[in-house]
Amino acid sequence: MGFGARLAIVGLMLTASLVSGLVVDPSHRQTCAGDRTAVSSLPADDPRRAAFGRLHAISTSLMGVAMLGGLLLCYWETRE
């Protein structure tokens, strides 16, 4: 695999991490600001619980992209 493809994967990993940390995390903090109630104790129809679930899924997906990119790079490096 060429250098350009590897660089693109690293760029994708960095972008996923930055979006998760700089966009999703502040949105999560704003959603739960000042509320010390555990999300699991909120009623199922509470909009804060739905927002938390959506943001958590987005964050998990973005971090999954970063991890898979890293594993892919490690795999290619060990094969060469």
Protein backbone atom coordinates (compact mmCIF):
# COMPACT_ATOMS: atom_id res chain seq x y z
CA MET A 1 0.00 0.00 0.00
CA GLY A 2 1.34 3.38 -0.97
CA PHE A 3 2.25 6.31 1.20
CA GLY A 4 -0.74 8.36 -0.01
CA ALA A 5 -3.24 5.73 1.10
CA ARG A 6 -1.58 5.44 4.50
CA LEU A 7 -1.61 9.21 4.88
CA ALA A 8 -5.32 9.28 3.98
CA ILE A 9 -6.06 6.70 6.68
CA VAL A 10 -4.13 8.72 9.25
CA GLY A 11 -6.05 11.83 8.18
CA LEU A 12 -9.35 9.98 8.56
CA MET A 13 -8.32 8.76 12.00
CA LEU A 14 -7.34 12.28 13.09
CA THR A 15 -10.55 13.77 11.72
CA ALA A 16 -12.70 11.19 13.51
CA SER A 17 -10.91 11.85 16.80
CA LEU A 18 -11.17 15.63 16.45
CA VAL A 19 -14.86 15.56 15.57
CA SER A 20 -15.54 13.29 18.52
CA GLY A 21 -13.59 15.46 20.95
CA LEU A 22 -14.39 18.93 19.66
CA VAL A 23 -17.96 18.56 18.39
CA VAL A 24 -19.67 15.57 19.99
CA ASP A 25 -18.22 15.89 23.52
CA PRO A 26 -19.20 19.57 23.97
CA SER A 27 -22.70 18.75 22.70
CA HIS A 28 -22.90 15.97 25.27
CA ARG A 29 -21.72 18.27 28.04
CA GLN A 30 -24.30 20.88 27.05
CA THR A 31 -27.07 18.26 26.99
CA CYS A 32 -26.24 17.08 30.50
CA ALA A 33 -25.09 20.43 31.94
CA GLY A 34 -25.84 20.85 35.62
CA ASP A 35 -27.70 17.55 35.89
CA ARG A 36 -26.09 14.98 38.15
CA THR A 37 -28.80 12.39 37.51
CA ALA A 38 -27.57 9.13 36.01
CA VAL A 39 -28.76 8.78 32.43
CA SER A 40 -29.89 5.22 33.12
CA SER A 41 -32.29 6.48 35.80
CA LEU A 42 -34.07 8.87 33.42
CA PRO A 43 -37.39 7.74 31.94
CA ALA A 44 -37.12 6.10 28.51
CA ASP A 45 -39.05 8.95 26.88
CA ASP A 46 -36.89 11.72 28.41
CA PRO A 47 -35.34 13.83 25.62
CA ARG A 48 -32.03 14.04 27.54
CA ARG A 49 -31.75 10.27 27.53
CA ALA A 50 -32.48 10.11 23.79
CA ALA A 51 -29.93 12.87 23.10
CA PHE A 52 -27.32 11.11 25.22
CA GLY A 53 -27.92 7.83 23.39
CA ARG A 54 -27.60 9.51 19.99
CA LEU A 55 -24.41 11.38 20.94
CA HIS A 56 -22.93 8.26 22.52
CA ALA A 57 -23.59 6.26 19.35
CA ILE A 58 -21.95 8.94 17.20
CA SER A 59 -18.92 9.14 19.49
CA THR A 60 -18.55 5.36 19.60
CA SER A 61 -18.75 5.15 15.80
CA LEU A 62 -16.11 7.85 15.34
CA MET A 63 -13.74 6.19 17.79
CA GLY A 64 -14.38 2.87 16.05
CA VAL A 65 -13.27 4.43 12.76
CA ALA A 66 -10.06 5.64 14.42
CA MET A 67 -9.36 2.23 15.96
CA LEU A 68 -10.05 0.32 12.76
CA GLY A 69 -7.77 2.67 10.85
CA GLY A 70 -5.01 2.06 13.36
CA LEU A 71 -5.46 -1.70 13.18
CA LEU A 72 -5.46 -1.57 9.40
CA LEU A 73 -2.21 0.40 9.38
CA CYS A 74 -0.62 -2.02 11.86
CA TYR A 75 -1.68 -4.97 9.71
CA TRP A 76 -0.20 -3.47 6.53
CA GLU A 77 3.03 -2.54 8.28
CA THR A 78 3.56 -6.03 9.68
CA ARG A 79 2.91 -7.63 6.28
CA GLU A 80 5.72 -5.67 4.64
